Amino acid sequence: MEDDIVMYTVKDLSVIFRCGINQAYSLAKANGFPSMKIGGKILTEKRMLEDWIKKHRGKSVVTN
């Protein structure tokens, strides 16, 4: 993704994590995942996602 992007959509998350859109929605809604809902969109701030990835590197993240 480009450096000027500040917020990611769920579709962006599916590309970043190479997963389906349903799994990306589950991740975005998971407890402790850094997302917010603005209007009807679920968004994740780039910097917070980078911190979350560092914190969870090497761990198994399970979503339902």
PDB file of N, CA and C in Angstrom:
ATOM      1  N   MET A   1       0.847  -1.181   0.000  1.00  0.00           N
ATOM      2  CA  MET A   1       0.000   0.000   0.000  1.00  0.00           C
ATOM      3  C   MET A   1       0.894   1.247   0.000  1.00  0.00           C
ATOM      4  N   GLU A   2       0.297   2.333  -0.406  1.00  0.00           N
ATOM      5  CA  GLU A   2       1.073   3.557  -0.523  1.00  0.00           C
ATOM      6  C   GLU A   2       1.314   4.211   0.831  1.00  0.00           C
ATOM      7  N   ASP A   3       2.369   5.022   0.914  1.00  0.00           N
ATOM      8  CA  ASP A   3       2.743   5.664   2.173  1.00  0.00           C
ATOM      9  C   ASP A   3       1.751   6.718   2.639  1.00  0.00           C
ATOM     10  N   ASP A   4       0.953   7.286   1.721  1.00  0.00           N
ATOM     11  CA  ASP A   4       0.039   8.341   2.122  1.00  0.00           C
ATOM     12  C   ASP A   4      -1.290   7.809   2.666  1.00  0.00           C
ATOM     13  N   ILE A   5      -1.476   6.504   2.675  1.00  0.00           N
ATOM     14  CA  ILE A   5      -2.698   5.915   3.218  1.00  0.00           C
ATOM     15  C   ILE A   5      -2.645   5.981   4.740  1.00  0.00           C
ATOM     16  N   VAL A   6      -3.714   6.472   5.341  1.00  0.00           N
ATOM     17  CA  VAL A   6      -3.784   6.603   6.790  1.00  0.00           C
ATOM     18  C   VAL A   6      -4.737   5.568   7.375  1.00  0.00           C
ATOM     19  N   MET A   7      -5.806   5.244   6.643  1.00  0.00           N
ATOM     20  CA  MET A   7      -6.823   4.308   7.120  1.00  0.00           C
ATOM     21  C   MET A   7      -7.004   3.187   6.096  1.00  0.00           C
ATOM     22  N   TYR A   8      -7.227   1.982   6.599  1.00  0.00           N
ATOM     23  CA  TYR A   8      -7.495   0.831   5.742  1.00  0.00           C
ATOM     24  C   TYR A   8      -8.948   0.411   5.881  1.00  0.00           C
ATOM     25  N   THR A   9      -9.534  -0.023   4.770  1.00  0.00           N
ATOM     26  CA  THR A   9     -10.870  -0.603   4.787  1.00  0.00           C
ATOM     27  C   THR A   9     -10.739  -2.110   5.014  1.00  0.00           C
ATOM     28  N   VAL A  10     -11.864  -2.779   5.182  1.00  0.00           N
ATOM     29  CA  VAL A  10     -11.848  -4.236   5.339  1.00  0.00           C
ATOM     30  C   VAL A  10     -11.320  -4.888   4.062  1.00  0.00           C
ATOM     31  N   LYS A  11     -11.651  -4.325   2.918  1.00  0.00           N
ATOM     32  CA  LYS A  11     -11.136  -4.853   1.647  1.00  0.00           C
ATOM     33  C   LYS A  11      -9.611  -4.759   1.628  1.00  0.00           C
ATOM     34  N   ASP A  12      -9.061  -3.648   2.108  1.00  0.00           N
ATOM     35  CA  ASP A  12      -7.602  -3.507   2.208  1.00  0.00           C
ATOM     36  C   ASP A  12      -7.021  -4.581   3.123  1.00  0.00           C
ATOM     37  N   LEU A  13      -7.695  -4.852   4.246  1.00  0.00           N
ATOM     38  CA  LEU A  13      -7.211  -5.874   5.183  1.00  0.00           C
ATOM     39  C   LEU A  13      -7.171  -7.240   4.519  1.00  0.00           C
ATOM     40  N   SER A  14      -8.165  -7.541   3.678  1.00  0.00           N
ATOM     41  CA  SER A  14      -8.174  -8.841   3.002  1.00  0.00           C
ATOM     42  C   SER A  14      -6.978  -8.970   2.056  1.00  0.00           C
ATOM     43  N   VAL A  15      -6.563  -7.868   1.452  1.00  0.00           N
ATOM     44  CA  VAL A  15      -5.379  -7.874   0.581  1.00  0.00           C
ATOM     45  C   VAL A  15      -4.109  -7.996   1.423  1.00  0.00           C
ATOM     46  N   ILE A  16      -4.013  -7.213   2.478  1.00  0.00           N
ATOM     47  CA  ILE A  16      -2.821  -7.216   3.337  1.00  0.00           C
ATOM     48  C   ILE A  16      -2.582  -8.600   3.932  1.00  0.00           C
ATOM     49  N   PHE A  17      -3.649  -9.227   4.435  1.00  0.00           N
ATOM     50  CA  PHE A  17      -3.513 -10.518   5.106  1.00  0.00           C
ATOM     51  C   PHE A  17      -3.738 -11.713   4.172  1.00  0.00           C
ATOM     52  N   ARG A  18      -3.997 -11.410   2.900  1.00  0.00           N
ATOM     53  CA  ARG A  18      -4.217 -12.465   1.896  1.00  0.00           C
ATOM     54  C   ARG A  18      -5.277 -13.463   2.358  1.00  0.00           C
ATOM     55  N   CYS A  19      -6.432 -12.916   2.710  1.00  0.00           N
ATOM     56  CA  CYS A  19      -7.547 -13.749   3.168  1.00  0.00           C
ATOM     57  C   CYS A  19      -8.822 -13.283   2.476  1.00  0.00           C
ATOM     58  N   GLY A  20      -9.874 -14.039   2.645  1.00  0.00           N
ATOM     59  CA  GLY A  20     -11.159 -13.672   2.070  1.00  0.00           C
ATOM     60  C   GLY A  20     -11.779 -12.496   2.794  1.00  0.00           C
ATOM     61  N   ILE A  21     -12.746 -11.903   2.151  1.00  0.00           N
ATOM     62  CA  ILE A  21     -13.397 -10.725   2.727  1.00  0.00           C
ATOM     63  C   ILE A  21     -14.136 -11.067   4.022  1.00  0.00           C
ATOM     64  N   ASN A  22     -14.743 -12.252   4.104  1.00  0.00           N
ATOM     65  CA  ASN A  22     -15.448 -12.638   5.333  1.00  0.00           C
ATOM     66  C   ASN A  22     -14.489 -12.789   6.501  1.00  0.00           C
ATOM     67  N   GLN A  23     -13.326 -13.369   6.253  1.00  0.00           N
ATOM     68  CA  GLN A  23     -12.333 -13.505   7.317  1.00  0.00           C
ATOM     69  C   GLN A  23     -11.795 -12.138   7.727  1.00  0.00           C
ATOM     70  N   ALA A  24     -11.644 -11.234   6.759  1.00  0.00           N
ATOM     71  CA  ALA A  24     -11.184  -9.877   7.071  1.00  0.00           C
ATOM     72  C   ALA A  24     -12.213  -9.147   7.944  1.00  0.00           C
ATOM     73  N   TYR A  25     -13.506  -9.334   7.655  1.00  0.00           N
ATOM     74  CA  TYR A  25     -14.553  -8.735   8.502  1.00  0.00           C
ATOM     75  C   TYR A  25     -14.495  -9.311   9.912  1.00  0.00           C
ATOM     76  N   SER A  26     -14.304 -10.633  10.013  1.00  0.00           N
ATOM     77  CA  SER A  26     -14.210 -11.261  11.332  1.00  0.00           C
ATOM     78  C   SER A  26     -13.035 -10.705  12.117  1.00  0.00           C
ATOM     79  N   LEU A  27     -11.904 -10.541  11.453  1.00  0.00           N
ATOM     80  CA  LEU A  27     -10.718  -9.983  12.106  1.00  0.00           C
ATOM     81  C   LEU A  27     -10.987  -8.554  12.564  1.00  0.00           C
ATOM     82  N   ALA A  28     -11.577  -7.742  11.690  1.00  0.00           N
ATOM     83  CA  ALA A  28     -11.837  -6.338  12.007  1.00  0.00           C
ATOM     84  C   ALA A  28     -12.788  -6.197  13.191  1.00  0.00           C
ATOM     85  N   LYS A  29     -13.667  -7.184  13.391  1.00  0.00           N
ATOM     86  CA  LYS A  29     -14.634  -7.141  14.487  1.00  0.00           C
ATOM     87  C   LYS A  29     -14.137  -7.864  15.744  1.00  0.00           C
ATOM     88  N   ALA A  30     -12.977  -8.504  15.653  1.00  0.00           N
ATOM     89  CA  ALA A  30     -12.451  -9.277  16.778  1.00  0.00           C
ATOM     90  C   ALA A  30     -12.070  -8.369  17.945  1.00  0.00           C
ATOM     91  N   ASN A  31     -12.270  -8.885  19.146  1.00  0.00           N
ATOM     92  CA  ASN A  31     -11.921  -8.163  20.360  1.00  0.00           C
ATOM     93  C   ASN A  31     -10.423  -7.872  20.367  1.00  0.00           C
ATOM     94  N   GLY A  32     -10.056  -6.623  20.561  1.00  0.00           N
ATOM     95  CA  GLY A  32      -8.656  -6.238  20.631  1.00  0.00           C
ATOM     96  C   GLY A  32      -8.060  -5.798  19.305  1.00  0.00           C
ATOM     97  N   PHE A  33      -8.792  -6.000  18.195  1.00  0.00           N
ATOM     98  CA  PHE A  33      -8.274  -5.545  16.900  1.00  0.00           C
ATOM     99  C   PHE A  33      -8.547  -4.049  16.769  1.00  0.00           C
ATOM    100  N   PRO A  34      -7.573  -3.282  16.268  1.00  0.00           N
ATOM    101  CA  PRO A  34      -7.702  -1.816  16.243  1.00  0.00           C
ATOM    102  C   PRO A  34      -8.555  -1.299  15.085  1.00  0.00           C
ATOM    103  N   SER A  35      -9.857  -1.485  15.195  1.00  0.00           N
ATOM    104  CA  SER A  35     -10.733  -0.965  14.143  1.00  0.00           C
ATOM    105  C   SER A  35     -11.794  -0.071  14.761  1.00  0.00           C
ATOM    106  N   MET A  36     -12.412   0.732  13.914  1.00  0.00           N
ATOM    107  CA  MET A  36     -13.487   1.617  14.344  1.00  0.00           C
ATOM    108  C   MET A  36     -14.531   1.657  13.253  1.00  0.00           C
ATOM    109  N   LYS A  37     -15.732   1.955  13.625  1.00  0.00           N
ATOM    110  CA  LYS A  37     -16.806   2.056  12.652  1.00  0.00           C
ATOM    111  C   LYS A  37     -17.163   3.520  12.490  1.00  0.00           C
ATOM    112  N   ILE A  38     -17.085   3.997  11.267  1.00  0.00           N
ATOM    113  CA  ILE A  38     -17.445   5.375  10.950  1.00  0.00           C
ATOM    114  C   ILE A  38     -18.539   5.307   9.895  1.00  0.00           C
ATOM    115  N   GLY A  39     -19.717   5.743  10.270  1.00  0.00           N
ATOM    116  CA  GLY A  39     -20.858   5.560   9.383  1.00  0.00           C
ATOM    117  C   GLY A  39     -21.092   4.073   9.227  1.00  0.00           C
ATOM    118  N   GLY A  40     -21.118   3.584   8.027  1.00  0.00           N
ATOM    119  CA  GLY A  40     -21.284   2.163   7.787  1.00  0.00           C
ATOM    120  C   GLY A  40     -19.990   1.444   7.505  1.00  0.00           C
ATOM    121  N   LYS A  41     -18.862   2.151   7.557  1.00  0.00           N
ATOM    122  CA  LYS A  41     -17.578   1.547   7.206  1.00  0.00           C
ATOM    123  C   LYS A  41     -16.770   1.186   8.437  1.00  0.00           C
ATOM    124  N   ILE A  42     -16.088   0.040   8.345  1.00  0.00           N
ATOM    125  CA  ILE A  42     -15.139  -0.365   9.373  1.00  0.00           C
ATOM    126  C   ILE A  42     -13.756   0.019   8.857  1.00  0.00           C
ATOM    127  N   LEU A  43     -13.049   0.811   9.646  1.00  0.00           N
ATOM    128  CA  LEU A  43     -11.736   1.311   9.246  1.00  0.00           C
ATOM    129  C   LEU A  43     -10.690   0.993  10.313  1.00  0.00           C
ATOM    130  N   THR A  44      -9.455   0.854   9.856  1.00  0.00           N
ATOM    131  CA  THR A  44      -8.327   0.596  10.749  1.00  0.00           C
ATOM    132  C   THR A  44      -7.216   1.580  10.415  1.00  0.00           C
ATOM    133  N   GLU A  45      -6.736   2.281  11.435  1.00  0.00           N
ATOM    134  CA  GLU A  45      -5.646   3.230  11.226  1.00  0.00           C
ATOM    135  C   GLU A  45      -4.350   2.473  10.939  1.00  0.00           C
ATOM    136  N   LYS A  46      -3.625   2.920   9.940  1.00  0.00           N
ATOM    137  CA  LYS A  46      -2.401   2.251   9.496  1.00  0.00           C
ATOM    138  C   LYS A  46      -1.409   2.042  10.633  1.00  0.00           C
ATOM    139  N   ARG A  47      -1.133   3.074  11.391  1.00  0.00           N
ATOM    140  CA  ARG A  47      -0.137   2.986  12.468  1.00  0.00           C
ATOM    141  C   ARG A  47      -0.575   1.998  13.550  1.00  0.00           C
ATOM    142  N   MET A  48      -1.868   2.001  13.872  1.00  0.00           N
ATOM    143  CA  MET A  48      -2.376   1.078  14.893  1.00  0.00           C
ATOM    144  C   MET A  48      -2.316  -0.365  14.390  1.00  0.00           C
ATOM    145  N   LEU A  49      -2.576  -0.568  13.087  1.00  0.00           N
ATOM    146  CA  LEU A  49      -2.470  -1.908  12.520  1.00  0.00           C
ATOM    147  C   LEU A  49      -1.026  -2.400  12.577  1.00  0.00           C
ATOM    148  N   GLU A  50      -0.092  -1.533  12.236  1.00  0.00           N
ATOM    149  CA  GLU A  50       1.331  -1.913  12.298  1.00  0.00           C
ATOM    150  C   GLU A  50       1.725  -2.307  13.715  1.00  0.00           C
ATOM    151  N   ASP A  51       1.265  -1.553  14.720  1.00  0.00           N
ATOM    152  CA  ASP A  51       1.558  -1.884  16.117  1.00  0.00           C
ATOM    153  C   ASP A  51       0.923  -3.216  16.508  1.00  0.00           C
ATOM    154  N   TRP A  52      -0.326  -3.444  16.070  1.00  0.00           N
ATOM    155  CA  TRP A  52      -1.037  -4.695  16.371  1.00  0.00           C
ATOM    156  C   TRP A  52      -0.300  -5.880  15.769  1.00  0.00           C
ATOM    157  N   ILE A  53       0.173  -5.732  14.536  1.00  0.00           N
ATOM    158  CA  ILE A  53       0.906  -6.815  13.877  1.00  0.00           C
ATOM    159  C   ILE A  53       2.190  -7.126  14.647  1.00  0.00           C
ATOM    160  N   LYS A  54       2.930  -6.107  15.056  1.00  0.00           N
ATOM    161  CA  LYS A  54       4.157  -6.321  15.830  1.00  0.00           C
ATOM    162  C   LYS A  54       3.860  -7.051  17.135  1.00  0.00           C
ATOM    163  N   LYS A  55       2.782  -6.659  17.800  1.00  0.00           N
ATOM    164  CA  LYS A  55       2.412  -7.256  19.079  1.00  0.00           C
ATOM    165  C   LYS A  55       1.997  -8.717  18.921  1.00  0.00           C
ATOM    166  N   HIS A  56       1.393  -9.064  17.795  1.00  0.00           N
ATOM    167  CA  HIS A  56       0.863 -10.412  17.584  1.00  0.00           C
ATOM    168  C   HIS A  56       1.730 -11.281  16.672  1.00  0.00           C
ATOM    169  N   ARG A  57       2.896 -10.799  16.299  1.00  0.00           N
ATOM    170  CA  ARG A  57       3.791 -11.559  15.425  1.00  0.00           C
ATOM    171  C   ARG A  57       4.147 -12.880  16.093  1.00  0.00           C
ATOM    172  N   GLY A  58       3.975 -13.984  15.343  1.00  0.00           N
ATOM    173  CA  GLY A  58       4.309 -15.299  15.858  1.00  0.00           C
ATOM    174  C   GLY A  58       3.208 -15.945  16.666  1.00  0.00           C
ATOM    175  N   LYS A  59       2.093 -15.213  16.871  1.00  0.00           N
ATOM    176  CA  LYS A  59       0.972 -15.746  17.649  1.00  0.00           C
ATOM    177  C   LYS A  59      -0.129 -16.192  16.699  1.00  0.00           C
ATOM    178  N   SER A  60      -0.945 -17.078  17.179  1.00  0.00           N
ATOM    179  CA  SER A  60      -2.117 -17.518  16.417  1.00  0.00           C
ATOM    180  C   SER A  60      -3.280 -16.587  16.746  1.00  0.00           C
ATOM    181  N   VAL A  61      -3.887 -16.037  15.718  1.00  0.00           N
ATOM    182  CA  VAL A  61      -5.033 -15.160  15.905  1.00  0.00           C
ATOM    183  C   VAL A  61      -6.241 -15.879  15.317  1.00  0.00           C
ATOM    184  N   VAL A  62      -7.201 -16.186  16.184  1.00  0.00           N
ATOM    185  CA  VAL A  62      -8.380 -16.934  15.758  1.00  0.00           C
ATOM    186  C   VAL A  62      -9.586 -16.000  15.801  1.00  0.00           C
ATOM    187  N   THR A  63     -10.338 -15.976  14.694  1.00  0.00           N
ATOM    188  CA  THR A  63     -11.570 -15.205  14.652  1.00  0.00           C
ATOM    189  C   THR A  63     -12.728 -16.143  14.378  1.00  0.00           C
ATOM    190  N   ASN A  64     -13.883 -15.773  14.858  1.00  0.00           N
ATOM    191  CA  ASN A  64     -15.094 -16.591  14.646  1.00  0.00           C
ATOM    192  C   ASN A  64     -16.025 -15.918  13.682  1.00  0.00           C
TER     193      ASN A  64
END
